[in-house]
Amino acid sequence: GVNAVAWTLINSKANLNTLREQSQAEGEAIEDVMVKDRKALQIKDVIGPGSCGIAIAVGDTAFVSANFFHNNRVPTDPCERAMEVAVLVEPRLP
């Protein structure tokens, strides 16, 4: 079976502030981070244990989320892996 998966998601109807408010309301662990020169949020356990999302700002009204999830059989920090995906995605953003 699959032990880990990475994916990206584009949200053109919300910004990082909206995402921060939503994540705080859901009790998720949030940290401000940078992906190269872009503001971003790191959200641990975004879809449950073993997951992490890095939401990268795209202007003032959108973000792209780079996500990673594993089923605890992969000995890795999901946020490190999500950041690897974010760094690969960032150069392709407007």
N, C-alpha and C. Protein backbone atom coordinates (compact mmCIF):
# COMPACT_ATOMS: atom_id res chain seq x y z
N GLY A 1 0.80 -1.18 0.00
CA GLY A 1 0.00 0.00 0.00
C GLY A 1 0.85 1.25 0.00
N VAL A 2 0.19 2.36 -0.13
CA VAL A 2 0.86 3.65 -0.15
C VAL A 2 1.16 4.07 1.29
N ASN A 3 2.42 4.44 1.54
CA ASN A 3 2.82 4.89 2.87
C ASN A 3 2.82 6.41 3.02
N ALA A 4 2.92 7.12 1.88
CA ALA A 4 2.99 8.58 1.94
C ALA A 4 2.48 9.16 0.63
N VAL A 5 1.99 10.40 0.70
CA VAL A 5 1.51 11.08 -0.49
C VAL A 5 1.75 12.58 -0.34
N ALA A 6 2.07 13.24 -1.45
CA ALA A 6 2.24 14.69 -1.47
C ALA A 6 1.35 15.25 -2.57
N TRP A 7 0.77 16.44 -2.34
CA TRP A 7 -0.08 17.05 -3.35
C TRP A 7 -0.13 18.56 -3.12
N THR A 8 -0.61 19.27 -4.14
CA THR A 8 -0.78 20.72 -4.03
C THR A 8 -2.24 21.07 -4.27
N LEU A 9 -2.62 22.22 -3.74
CA LEU A 9 -4.00 22.70 -3.85
C LEU A 9 -3.96 24.20 -4.05
N ILE A 10 -4.71 24.71 -5.01
CA ILE A 10 -4.79 26.15 -5.27
C ILE A 10 -6.09 26.68 -4.69
N ASN A 11 -6.01 27.78 -3.94
CA ASN A 11 -7.21 28.43 -3.41
C ASN A 11 -7.18 29.88 -3.84
N SER A 12 -8.07 30.25 -4.75
CA SER A 12 -8.10 31.62 -5.26
C SER A 12 -9.20 32.45 -4.61
N LYS A 13 -9.81 31.93 -3.54
CA LYS A 13 -10.89 32.66 -2.89
C LYS A 13 -10.58 33.00 -1.43
N ALA A 14 -9.33 32.79 -1.01
CA ALA A 14 -8.95 33.08 0.37
C ALA A 14 -7.47 33.45 0.41
N ASN A 15 -7.08 34.17 1.46
CA ASN A 15 -5.68 34.51 1.61
C ASN A 15 -5.14 33.87 2.89
N LEU A 16 -3.88 34.15 3.21
CA LEU A 16 -3.28 33.53 4.39
C LEU A 16 -3.97 33.93 5.69
N ASN A 17 -4.48 35.16 5.76
CA ASN A 17 -5.17 35.59 6.98
C ASN A 17 -6.45 34.78 7.20
N THR A 18 -7.19 34.54 6.13
CA THR A 18 -8.40 33.72 6.22
C THR A 18 -8.04 32.30 6.64
N LEU A 19 -6.99 31.75 6.04
CA LEU A 19 -6.55 30.40 6.39
C LEU A 19 -6.09 30.34 7.85
N ARG A 20 -5.36 31.36 8.30
CA ARG A 20 -4.89 31.40 9.69
C ARG A 20 -6.08 31.37 10.66
N GLU A 21 -7.08 32.20 10.39
CA GLU A 21 -8.27 32.26 11.25
C GLU A 21 -8.98 30.91 11.29
N GLN A 22 -9.14 30.30 10.15
CA GLN A 22 -9.81 29.00 10.07
C GLN A 22 -9.01 27.94 10.82
N SER A 23 -7.70 27.91 10.62
CA SER A 23 -6.86 26.91 11.27
C SER A 23 -6.82 27.11 12.78
N GLN A 24 -6.78 28.36 13.23
CA GLN A 24 -6.80 28.63 14.67
C GLN A 24 -8.12 28.17 15.28
N ALA A 25 -9.21 28.40 14.57
CA ALA A 25 -10.53 27.99 15.06
C ALA A 25 -10.61 26.47 15.19
N GLU A 26 -9.88 25.76 14.34
CA GLU A 26 -9.88 24.30 14.37
C GLU A 26 -8.80 23.74 15.30
N GLY A 27 -8.04 24.63 15.96
CA GLY A 27 -7.04 24.20 16.92
C GLY A 27 -5.77 23.62 16.32
N GLU A 28 -5.49 23.94 15.06
CA GLU A 28 -4.30 23.40 14.40
C GLU A 28 -3.07 24.24 14.78
N ALA A 29 -1.91 23.61 14.81
CA ALA A 29 -0.65 24.28 15.12
C ALA A 29 -0.16 25.03 13.89
N ILE A 30 -0.03 26.34 14.02
CA ILE A 30 0.33 27.21 12.89
C ILE A 30 1.65 27.90 13.18
N GLU A 31 2.47 28.01 12.15
CA GLU A 31 3.74 28.73 12.28
C GLU A 31 3.96 29.55 11.02
N ASP A 32 4.38 30.81 11.19
CA ASP A 32 4.75 31.64 10.04
C ASP A 32 6.10 31.17 9.52
N VAL A 33 6.19 30.95 8.22
CA VAL A 33 7.43 30.53 7.58
C VAL A 33 7.58 31.30 6.27
N MET A 34 8.73 31.18 5.66
CA MET A 34 8.98 31.77 4.35
C MET A 34 9.34 30.65 3.38
N VAL A 35 8.85 30.77 2.15
CA VAL A 35 9.26 29.88 1.07
C VAL A 35 9.93 30.79 0.06
N LYS A 36 11.25 30.75 0.07
CA LYS A 36 12.08 31.72 -0.66
C LYS A 36 11.69 33.11 -0.17
N ASP A 37 11.16 33.98 -1.02
CA ASP A 37 10.81 35.35 -0.59
C ASP A 37 9.32 35.52 -0.32
N ARG A 38 8.56 34.45 -0.27
CA ARG A 38 7.11 34.54 -0.09
C ARG A 38 6.70 34.18 1.33
N LYS A 39 5.73 34.93 1.84
CA LYS A 39 5.15 34.59 3.14
C LYS A 39 4.38 33.29 3.01
N ALA A 40 4.40 32.52 4.09
CA ALA A 40 3.71 31.23 4.07
C ALA A 40 3.32 30.85 5.49
N LEU A 41 2.41 29.90 5.59
CA LEU A 41 2.01 29.31 6.87
C LEU A 41 2.31 27.83 6.84
N GLN A 42 2.84 27.33 7.94
CA GLN A 42 3.00 25.89 8.12
C GLN A 42 1.92 25.44 9.08
N ILE A 43 1.13 24.45 8.67
CA ILE A 43 0.02 23.96 9.50
C ILE A 43 0.23 22.47 9.74
N LYS A 44 0.56 22.13 10.99
CA LYS A 44 0.77 20.73 11.34
C LYS A 44 -0.56 20.03 11.53
N ASP A 45 -0.58 18.76 11.19
CA ASP A 45 -1.77 17.91 11.34
C ASP A 45 -2.99 18.51 10.63
N VAL A 46 -2.75 19.13 9.47
CA VAL A 46 -3.80 19.84 8.74
C VAL A 46 -4.97 18.93 8.36
N ILE A 47 -4.69 17.67 8.07
CA ILE A 47 -5.79 16.73 7.78
C ILE A 47 -5.76 15.55 8.73
N GLY A 48 -5.00 15.69 9.80
CA GLY A 48 -4.89 14.63 10.80
C GLY A 48 -3.45 14.34 11.13
N PRO A 49 -3.21 13.45 12.09
CA PRO A 49 -1.84 13.12 12.49
C PRO A 49 -1.02 12.63 11.31
N GLY A 50 0.24 13.06 11.26
CA GLY A 50 1.13 12.64 10.18
C GLY A 50 1.02 13.50 8.94
N SER A 51 0.33 14.65 9.05
CA SER A 51 0.19 15.51 7.87
C SER A 51 0.73 16.91 8.18
N CYS A 52 1.03 17.62 7.11
CA CYS A 52 1.47 19.00 7.24
C CYS A 52 1.20 19.71 5.92
N GLY A 53 0.83 20.97 6.01
CA GLY A 53 0.62 21.79 4.82
C GLY A 53 1.43 23.07 4.92
N ILE A 54 1.99 23.49 3.81
CA ILE A 54 2.66 24.78 3.70
C ILE A 54 1.85 25.60 2.71
N ALA A 55 1.19 26.65 3.21
CA ALA A 55 0.37 27.51 2.35
C ALA A 55 1.21 28.73 1.96
N ILE A 56 1.42 28.90 0.66
CA ILE A 56 2.27 29.97 0.13
C ILE A 56 1.38 31.07 -0.42
N ALA A 57 1.63 32.31 0.02
CA ALA A 57 0.85 33.44 -0.47
C ALA A 57 1.10 33.67 -1.95
N VAL A 58 0.01 33.91 -2.67
CA VAL A 58 0.08 34.30 -4.09
C VAL A 58 -0.70 35.60 -4.18
N GLY A 59 0.00 36.71 -4.06
CA GLY A 59 -0.67 38.00 -3.98
C GLY A 59 -1.42 38.14 -2.67
N ASP A 60 -2.44 39.01 -2.66
CA ASP A 60 -3.20 39.27 -1.45
C ASP A 60 -4.48 38.46 -1.36
N THR A 61 -4.83 37.72 -2.40
CA THR A 61 -6.14 37.08 -2.41
C THR A 61 -6.11 35.58 -2.70
N ALA A 62 -4.93 34.97 -2.69
CA ALA A 62 -4.87 33.55 -3.02
C ALA A 62 -3.67 32.91 -2.33
N PHE A 63 -3.70 31.58 -2.28
CA PHE A 63 -2.55 30.83 -1.80
C PHE A 63 -2.52 29.47 -2.48
N VAL A 64 -1.33 28.88 -2.47
CA VAL A 64 -1.15 27.51 -2.93
C VAL A 64 -0.65 26.72 -1.73
N SER A 65 -1.26 25.59 -1.49
CA SER A 65 -0.90 24.76 -0.37
C SER A 65 -0.15 23.52 -0.86
N ALA A 66 1.05 23.31 -0.31
CA ALA A 66 1.83 22.12 -0.59
C ALA A 66 1.68 21.21 0.63
N ASN A 67 1.19 20.01 0.43
CA ASN A 67 0.82 19.14 1.54
C ASN A 67 1.55 17.81 1.49
N PHE A 68 1.73 17.22 2.67
CA PHE A 68 2.34 15.90 2.77
C PHE A 68 1.64 15.13 3.87
N PHE A 69 1.42 13.85 3.63
CA PHE A 69 0.78 12.98 4.61
C PHE A 69 1.47 11.63 4.60
N HIS A 70 1.69 11.06 5.78
CA HIS A 70 2.18 9.70 5.84
C HIS A 70 1.44 8.94 6.94
N ASN A 71 1.49 7.63 6.84
CA ASN A 71 0.70 6.79 7.75
C ASN A 71 1.53 6.28 8.93
N ASN A 72 2.53 7.06 9.34
CA ASN A 72 3.40 6.73 10.47
C ASN A 72 4.32 5.55 10.21
N ARG A 73 4.34 5.03 9.00
CA ARG A 73 5.32 4.00 8.64
C ARG A 73 6.55 4.64 8.00
N VAL A 74 6.45 5.93 7.73
CA VAL A 74 7.55 6.66 7.12
C VAL A 74 8.22 7.49 8.21
N PRO A 75 9.49 7.19 8.53
CA PRO A 75 10.15 7.92 9.62
C PRO A 75 10.64 9.30 9.18
N THR A 76 9.71 10.21 9.01
CA THR A 76 10.07 11.54 8.54
C THR A 76 9.12 12.57 9.12
N ASP A 77 9.59 13.79 9.21
CA ASP A 77 8.76 14.91 9.65
C ASP A 77 7.91 15.36 8.46
N PRO A 78 6.58 15.28 8.57
CA PRO A 78 5.76 15.66 7.42
C PRO A 78 5.95 17.12 7.00
N CYS A 79 6.30 17.99 7.94
CA CYS A 79 6.50 19.41 7.58
C CYS A 79 7.78 19.60 6.77
N GLU A 80 8.80 18.80 7.03
CA GLU A 80 10.01 18.87 6.20
C GLU A 80 9.67 18.47 4.77
N ARG A 81 8.90 17.43 4.62
CA ARG A 81 8.53 16.96 3.28
C ARG A 81 7.60 17.96 2.58
N ALA A 82 6.66 18.54 3.32
CA ALA A 82 5.77 19.54 2.73
C ALA A 82 6.58 20.75 2.26
N MET A 83 7.60 21.14 3.03
CA MET A 83 8.44 22.27 2.61
C MET A 83 9.22 21.92 1.35
N GLU A 84 9.66 20.68 1.21
CA GLU A 84 10.34 20.27 -0.03
C GLU A 84 9.42 20.45 -1.22
N VAL A 85 8.15 20.06 -1.08
CA VAL A 85 7.17 20.25 -2.16
C VAL A 85 6.97 21.74 -2.42
N ALA A 86 6.84 22.53 -1.36
CA ALA A 86 6.62 23.98 -1.50
C ALA A 86 7.76 24.64 -2.26
N VAL A 87 8.98 24.27 -1.96
CA VAL A 87 10.15 24.86 -2.63
C VAL A 87 10.16 24.49 -4.12
N LEU A 88 9.67 23.31 -4.45
CA LEU A 88 9.58 22.94 -5.87
C LEU A 88 8.48 23.68 -6.61
N VAL A 89 7.38 23.95 -5.90
CA VAL A 89 6.22 24.62 -6.50
C VAL A 89 6.45 26.13 -6.65
N GLU A 90 7.11 26.75 -5.70
CA GLU A 90 7.21 28.21 -5.61
C GLU A 90 7.70 28.88 -6.90
N PRO A 91 8.73 28.39 -7.58
CA PRO A 91 9.19 29.08 -8.80
C PRO A 91 8.15 29.14 -9.92
N ARG A 92 7.13 28.29 -9.84
CA ARG A 92 6.11 28.25 -10.89
C ARG A 92 4.93 29.16 -10.59
N LEU A 93 4.95 29.83 -9.43
CA LEU A 93 3.84 30.70 -9.05
C LEU A 93 3.99 32.09 -9.67
N PRO A 94 2.84 32.74 -9.94
CA PRO A 94 2.93 34.09 -10.51
C PRO A 94 3.43 35.10 -9.48
